[in-house]
Amino acid sequence: HFGSSRRGHQHKARSISILPSAVAMAALPKLSMDDVAKHNKKDDCWVVLYGTAYDLTKFGKVHPGGANLVFDNAGKDATAVFDPIHPKDIMAKLLKPSLTMGEVDPATIKPEHVAQLPKKEEQKKKKKAAPAGAVEEVEFLKPPLAAMLNTFDFESVARETMEPQAWGYYSSGGDDEITLRDNH
């Protein structure tokens, strides 16, 4: 029967408290996007990702992709910029729970609150703006898959075709999180 072992010894029942994510999320304060938008400076930087506001003031300074990527999105919903580069659960792994500021009411998010990825045309214009006498860049053409023989071939194509921030992240090896685990 419950509470006893085969040898007749009594065991105390242990109470384990496990909060499901929905319950844990309900405990967070509800914020409006206007509340988050007030935290839009390097020394006071909140960023919304997947509907949750995080205080990234300290983390922004050590962000592997560069501080500007974080600080340029201060006070905004940066999910569209964040999502192509990072795993969805990375904030829970990296940040202390005290840096999770609250859940943002989706009805309060206006278009001006949402960070946008740079447009492809803007990036191409930046690349073409070169000093006089410079060689004009030619658009990169991907080789056929059958011509790619090793990881170096795939890497060279990725370098030319990925967004600069995404390439910076993946080429750093940051997605395997080995260093993250070894440092904790």
C-alpha atoms as a PDB file:
ATOM      1  CA  HIS A   1       0.000   0.000   0.000  1.00  0.00           C
ATOM      2  CA  PHE A   2       0.997   3.676  -0.408  1.00  0.00           C
ATOM      3  CA  GLY A   3       3.755   4.976   1.853  1.00  0.00           C
ATOM      4  CA  SER A   4       5.341   1.667   2.793  1.00  0.00           C
ATOM      5  CA  SER A   5       8.119  -0.361   1.255  1.00  0.00           C
ATOM      6  CA  ARG A   6       8.426  -4.143   1.065  1.00  0.00           C
ATOM      7  CA  ARG A   7      10.392  -4.146   4.301  1.00  0.00           C
ATOM      8  CA  GLY A   8       7.609  -2.385   6.183  1.00  0.00           C
ATOM      9  CA  HIS A   9       9.354   1.001   6.456  1.00  0.00           C
ATOM     10  CA  GLN A  10       7.191   4.042   6.109  1.00  0.00           C
ATOM     11  CA  HIS A  11       8.126   6.663   3.487  1.00  0.00           C
ATOM     12  CA  LYS A  12       7.004  10.243   3.688  1.00  0.00           C
ATOM     13  CA  ALA A  13       5.178  11.451   0.618  1.00  0.00           C
ATOM     14  CA  ARG A  14       7.105  14.187  -1.144  1.00  0.00           C
ATOM     15  CA  SER A  15       5.386  17.183  -2.543  1.00  0.00           C
ATOM     16  CA  ILE A  16       6.831  18.456  -5.796  1.00  0.00           C
ATOM     17  CA  SER A  17       5.725  21.793  -7.121  1.00  0.00           C
ATOM     18  CA  ILE A  18       5.829  21.975 -10.899  1.00  0.00           C
ATOM     19  CA  LEU A  19       4.215  24.926 -12.565  1.00  0.00           C
ATOM     20  CA  PRO A  20       2.987  24.372 -16.084  1.00  0.00           C
ATOM     21  CA  SER A  21       4.126  27.095 -18.454  1.00  0.00           C
ATOM     22  CA  ALA A  22       0.594  28.497 -18.758  1.00  0.00           C
ATOM     23  CA  VAL A  23       0.361  28.914 -14.994  1.00  0.00           C
ATOM     24  CA  ALA A  24       3.873  30.395 -14.794  1.00  0.00           C
ATOM     25  CA  MET A  25       3.037  32.839 -17.568  1.00  0.00           C
ATOM     26  CA  ALA A  26      -0.173  33.888 -15.810  1.00  0.00           C
ATOM     27  CA  ALA A  27       1.958  35.005 -12.853  1.00  0.00           C
ATOM     28  CA  LEU A  28       3.731  37.598 -15.016  1.00  0.00           C
ATOM     29  CA  PRO A  29       2.381  41.139 -15.033  1.00  0.00           C
ATOM     30  CA  LYS A  30       0.299  42.203 -18.027  1.00  0.00           C
ATOM     31  CA  LEU A  31       1.893  45.148 -19.873  1.00  0.00           C
ATOM     32  CA  SER A  32       0.783  47.417 -22.667  1.00  0.00           C
ATOM     33  CA  MET A  33       3.128  48.020 -25.568  1.00  0.00           C
ATOM     34  CA  ASP A  34       3.141  51.715 -24.615  1.00  0.00           C
ATOM     35  CA  ASP A  35       4.658  50.678 -21.258  1.00  0.00           C
ATOM     36  CA  VAL A  36       7.411  48.765 -23.058  1.00  0.00           C
ATOM     37  CA  ALA A  37       8.019  51.568 -25.577  1.00  0.00           C
ATOM     38  CA  LYS A  38       9.155  53.857 -22.734  1.00  0.00           C
ATOM     39  CA  HIS A  39      12.206  51.598 -22.251  1.00  0.00           C
ATOM     40  CA  ASN A  40      13.859  52.503 -25.547  1.00  0.00           C
ATOM     41  CA  LYS A  41      17.420  53.520 -24.641  1.00  0.00           C
ATOM     42  CA  LYS A  42      20.756  51.746 -24.171  1.00  0.00           C
ATOM     43  CA  ASP A  43      20.604  52.288 -20.422  1.00  0.00           C
ATOM     44  CA  ASP A  44      16.948  51.176 -20.218  1.00  0.00           C
ATOM     45  CA  CYS A  45      16.272  48.592 -22.921  1.00  0.00           C
ATOM     46  CA  TRP A  46      13.210  46.369 -22.980  1.00  0.00           C
ATOM     47  CA  VAL A  47      12.495  44.187 -26.009  1.00  0.00           C
ATOM     48  CA  VAL A  48       9.392  42.108 -26.743  1.00  0.00           C
ATOM     49  CA  LEU A  49       9.857  38.603 -28.141  1.00  0.00           C
ATOM     50  CA  TYR A  50       6.889  36.308 -28.780  1.00  0.00           C
ATOM     51  CA  GLY A  51       4.637  38.488 -26.634  1.00  0.00           C
ATOM     52  CA  THR A  52       6.940  38.644 -23.595  1.00  0.00           C
ATOM     53  CA  ALA A  53       8.903  41.753 -22.569  1.00  0.00           C
ATOM     54  CA  TYR A  54      12.520  41.281 -21.454  1.00  0.00           C
ATOM     55  CA  ASP A  55      14.932  43.759 -19.880  1.00  0.00           C
ATOM     56  CA  LEU A  56      17.988  43.426 -22.143  1.00  0.00           C
ATOM     57  CA  THR A  57      19.878  46.463 -20.817  1.00  0.00           C
ATOM     58  CA  LYS A  58      22.861  44.448 -19.559  1.00  0.00           C
ATOM     59  CA  PHE A  59      22.609  41.577 -22.028  1.00  0.00           C
ATOM     60  CA  GLY A  60      22.641  43.936 -25.021  1.00  0.00           C
ATOM     61  CA  LYS A  61      26.229  44.929 -24.227  1.00  0.00           C
ATOM     62  CA  VAL A  62      27.430  41.322 -24.538  1.00  0.00           C
ATOM     63  CA  HIS A  63      25.118  40.134 -27.332  1.00  0.00           C
ATOM     64  CA  PRO A  64      27.192  37.902 -29.662  1.00  0.00           C
ATOM     65  CA  GLY A  65      25.750  39.560 -32.768  1.00  0.00           C
ATOM     66  CA  GLY A  66      26.611  43.035 -31.496  1.00  0.00           C
ATOM     67  CA  ALA A  67      25.003  45.468 -29.087  1.00  0.00           C
ATOM     68  CA  ASN A  68      23.365  47.527 -31.842  1.00  0.00           C
ATOM     69  CA  LEU A  69      21.105  44.654 -32.846  1.00  0.00           C
ATOM     70  CA  VAL A  70      19.578  44.722 -29.374  1.00  0.00           C
ATOM     71  CA  PHE A  71      19.650  48.467 -28.722  1.00  0.00           C
ATOM     72  CA  ASP A  72      18.235  49.357 -32.165  1.00  0.00           C
ATOM     73  CA  ASN A  73      15.123  47.400 -31.157  1.00  0.00           C
ATOM     74  CA  ALA A  74      14.745  48.839 -27.652  1.00  0.00           C
ATOM     75  CA  GLY A  75      11.113  49.464 -26.763  1.00  0.00           C
ATOM     76  CA  LYS A  76       9.882  47.402 -29.732  1.00  0.00           C
ATOM     77  CA  ASP A  77       8.500  43.984 -30.549  1.00  0.00           C
ATOM     78  CA  ALA A  78      11.561  42.444 -32.233  1.00  0.00           C
ATOM     79  CA  THR A  79      10.119  38.977 -32.829  1.00  0.00           C
ATOM     80  CA  ALA A  80      10.365  39.335 -36.641  1.00  0.00           C
ATOM     81  CA  VAL A  81      14.076  40.198 -36.380  1.00  0.00           C
ATOM     82  CA  PHE A  82      14.809  37.605 -33.674  1.00  0.00           C
ATOM     83  CA  ASP A  83      12.927  34.594 -35.042  1.00  0.00           C
ATOM     84  CA  PRO A  84      14.996  33.778 -38.176  1.00  0.00           C
ATOM     85  CA  ILE A  85      18.215  33.662 -36.139  1.00  0.00           C
ATOM     86  CA  HIS A  86      17.441  32.284 -32.674  1.00  0.00           C
ATOM     87  CA  PRO A  87      15.612  29.307 -31.188  1.00  0.00           C
ATOM     88  CA  LYS A  88      12.320  30.364 -29.633  1.00  0.00           C
ATOM     89  CA  ASP A  89      13.277  29.154 -26.141  1.00  0.00           C
ATOM     90  CA  ILE A  90      16.729  30.772 -25.963  1.00  0.00           C
ATOM     91  CA  MET A  91      15.615  33.624 -23.676  1.00  0.00           C
ATOM     92  CA  ALA A  92      14.448  31.176 -21.016  1.00  0.00           C
ATOM     93  CA  LYS A  93      17.846  29.464 -21.197  1.00  0.00           C
ATOM     94  CA  LEU A  94      19.971  32.622 -21.170  1.00  0.00           C
ATOM     95  CA  LEU A  95      18.236  35.147 -18.949  1.00  0.00           C
ATOM     96  CA  LYS A  96      17.487  35.206 -15.247  1.00  0.00           C
ATOM     97  CA  PRO A  97      13.729  35.034 -14.591  1.00  0.00           C
ATOM     98  CA  SER A  98      13.918  38.509 -13.004  1.00  0.00           C
ATOM     99  CA  LEU A  99      14.665  39.949 -16.476  1.00  0.00           C
ATOM    100  CA  THR A 100      11.291  38.763 -17.788  1.00  0.00           C
ATOM    101  CA  MET A 101       9.205  41.888 -17.270  1.00  0.00           C
ATOM    102  CA  GLY A 102       5.775  40.631 -18.279  1.00  0.00           C
ATOM    103  CA  GLU A 103       3.367  39.596 -20.992  1.00  0.00           C
ATOM    104  CA  VAL A 104       2.380  42.250 -23.521  1.00  0.00           C
ATOM    105  CA  ASP A 105      -1.287  42.638 -24.377  1.00  0.00           C
ATOM    106  CA  PRO A 106      -1.331  41.925 -28.152  1.00  0.00           C
ATOM    107  CA  ALA A 107      -4.205  44.380 -28.647  1.00  0.00           C
ATOM    108  CA  THR A 108      -1.863  47.238 -27.645  1.00  0.00           C
ATOM    109  CA  ILE A 109       0.815  46.510 -30.263  1.00  0.00           C
ATOM    110  CA  LYS A 110       0.684  49.052 -33.096  1.00  0.00           C
ATOM    111  CA  PRO A 111       2.641  48.861 -36.375  1.00  0.00           C
ATOM    112  CA  GLU A 112       5.132  51.489 -35.150  1.00  0.00           C
ATOM    113  CA  HIS A 113       5.973  49.215 -32.206  1.00  0.00           C
ATOM    114  CA  VAL A 114       7.102  46.339 -34.440  1.00  0.00           C
ATOM    115  CA  ALA A 115      10.744  46.098 -35.545  1.00  0.00           C
ATOM    116  CA  GLN A 116      11.188  45.204 -39.196  1.00  0.00           C
ATOM    117  CA  LEU A 117      13.897  43.266 -40.998  1.00  0.00           C
ATOM    118  CA  PRO A 118      15.899  45.441 -43.400  1.00  0.00           C
ATOM    119  CA  LYS A 119      14.551  45.263 -46.927  1.00  0.00           C
ATOM    120  CA  LYS A 120      16.625  43.358 -49.488  1.00  0.00           C
ATOM    121  CA  GLU A 121      16.732  46.417 -51.778  1.00  0.00           C
ATOM    122  CA  GLU A 122      18.201  48.573 -48.967  1.00  0.00           C
ATOM    123  CA  GLN A 123      20.943  46.021 -48.351  1.00  0.00           C
ATOM    124  CA  LYS A 124      21.777  45.827 -52.053  1.00  0.00           C
ATOM    125  CA  LYS A 125      21.958  49.627 -52.270  1.00  0.00           C
ATOM    126  CA  LYS A 126      24.338  49.684 -49.305  1.00  0.00           C
ATOM    127  CA  LYS A 127      26.564  47.107 -50.984  1.00  0.00           C
ATOM    128  CA  LYS A 128      26.605  49.020 -54.269  1.00  0.00           C
ATOM    129  CA  ALA A 129      27.475  52.355 -52.654  1.00  0.00           C
ATOM    130  CA  ALA A 130      31.244  52.218 -53.219  1.00  0.00           C
ATOM    131  CA  PRO A 131      33.915  54.850 -53.805  1.00  0.00           C
ATOM    132  CA  ALA A 132      34.618  56.002 -57.352  1.00  0.00           C
ATOM    133  CA  GLY A 133      36.793  53.575 -59.287  1.00  0.00           C
ATOM    134  CA  ALA A 134      35.678  50.589 -57.198  1.00  0.00           C
ATOM    135  CA  VAL A 135      34.657  47.382 -58.913  1.00  0.00           C
ATOM    136  CA  GLU A 136      30.883  46.920 -59.084  1.00  0.00           C
ATOM    137  CA  GLU A 137      29.605  43.847 -57.280  1.00  0.00           C
ATOM    138  CA  VAL A 138      27.875  41.164 -59.306  1.00  0.00           C
ATOM    139  CA  GLU A 139      24.864  39.366 -57.855  1.00  0.00           C
ATOM    140  CA  PHE A 140      25.804  35.977 -56.389  1.00  0.00           C
ATOM    141  CA  LEU A 141      24.470  32.924 -58.233  1.00  0.00           C
ATOM    142  CA  LYS A 142      24.111  29.749 -56.206  1.00  0.00           C
ATOM    143  CA  PRO A 143      25.860  26.722 -57.702  1.00  0.00           C
ATOM    144  CA  PRO A 144      23.772  23.616 -58.392  1.00  0.00           C
ATOM    145  CA  LEU A 145      23.424  21.357 -55.357  1.00  0.00           C
ATOM    146  CA  ALA A 146      25.232  18.514 -57.171  1.00  0.00           C
ATOM    147  CA  ALA A 147      28.305  20.778 -57.498  1.00  0.00           C
ATOM    148  CA  MET A 148      28.558  21.292 -53.742  1.00  0.00           C
ATOM    149  CA  LEU A 149      30.933  18.642 -52.449  1.00  0.00           C
ATOM    150  CA  ASN A 150      31.687  19.487 -48.820  1.00  0.00           C
ATOM    151  CA  THR A 151      30.790  21.727 -45.901  1.00  0.00           C
ATOM    152  CA  PHE A 152      33.082  24.483 -47.155  1.00  0.00           C
ATOM    153  CA  ASP A 153      30.985  24.731 -50.325  1.00  0.00           C
ATOM    154  CA  PHE A 154      27.778  25.012 -48.285  1.00  0.00           C
ATOM    155  CA  GLU A 155      29.406  27.570 -46.002  1.00  0.00           C
ATOM    156  CA  SER A 156      30.487  29.782 -48.902  1.00  0.00           C
ATOM    157  CA  VAL A 157      26.941  29.765 -50.307  1.00  0.00           C
ATOM    158  CA  ALA A 158      25.466  30.497 -46.879  1.00  0.00           C
ATOM    159  CA  ARG A 159      27.856  33.435 -46.413  1.00  0.00           C
ATOM    160  CA  GLU A 160      26.600  34.991 -49.652  1.00  0.00           C
ATOM    161  CA  THR A 161      22.888  34.275 -49.285  1.00  0.00           C
ATOM    162  CA  MET A 162      22.035  34.633 -45.571  1.00  0.00           C
ATOM    163  CA  GLU A 163      21.128  37.868 -43.850  1.00  0.00           C
ATOM    164  CA  PRO A 164      24.295  39.377 -42.298  1.00  0.00           C
ATOM    165  CA  GLN A 165      23.006  38.997 -38.738  1.00  0.00           C
ATOM    166  CA  ALA A 166      21.989  35.381 -39.332  1.00  0.00           C
ATOM    167  CA  TRP A 167      25.337  34.564 -40.933  1.00  0.00           C
ATOM    168  CA  GLY A 168      27.167  36.199 -38.020  1.00  0.00           C
ATOM    169  CA  TYR A 169      25.234  34.099 -35.544  1.00  0.00           C
ATOM    170  CA  TYR A 170      25.532  30.736 -37.289  1.00  0.00           C
ATOM    171  CA  SER A 171      29.151  31.169 -38.338  1.00  0.00           C
ATOM    172  CA  SER A 172      30.047  31.876 -34.699  1.00  0.00           C
ATOM    173  CA  GLY A 173      28.803  28.408 -33.722  1.00  0.00           C
ATOM    174  CA  GLY A 174      26.341  30.032 -31.346  1.00  0.00           C
ATOM    175  CA  ASP A 175      23.457  27.758 -32.267  1.00  0.00           C
ATOM    176  CA  ASP A 176      24.948  24.611 -30.740  1.00  0.00           C
ATOM    177  CA  GLU A 177      24.945  26.199 -27.232  1.00  0.00           C
ATOM    178  CA  ILE A 178      27.941  24.078 -26.159  1.00  0.00           C
ATOM    179  CA  THR A 179      29.741  27.116 -24.755  1.00  0.00           C
ATOM    180  CA  LEU A 180      26.524  28.214 -23.027  1.00  0.00           C
ATOM    181  CA  ARG A 181      26.231  24.856 -21.255  1.00  0.00           C
ATOM    182  CA  ASP A 182      29.953  24.697 -20.409  1.00  0.00           C
ATOM    183  CA  ASN A 183      29.871  28.158 -18.845  1.00  0.00           C
ATOM    184  CA  HIS A 184      26.915  27.436 -16.568  1.00  0.00           C
END
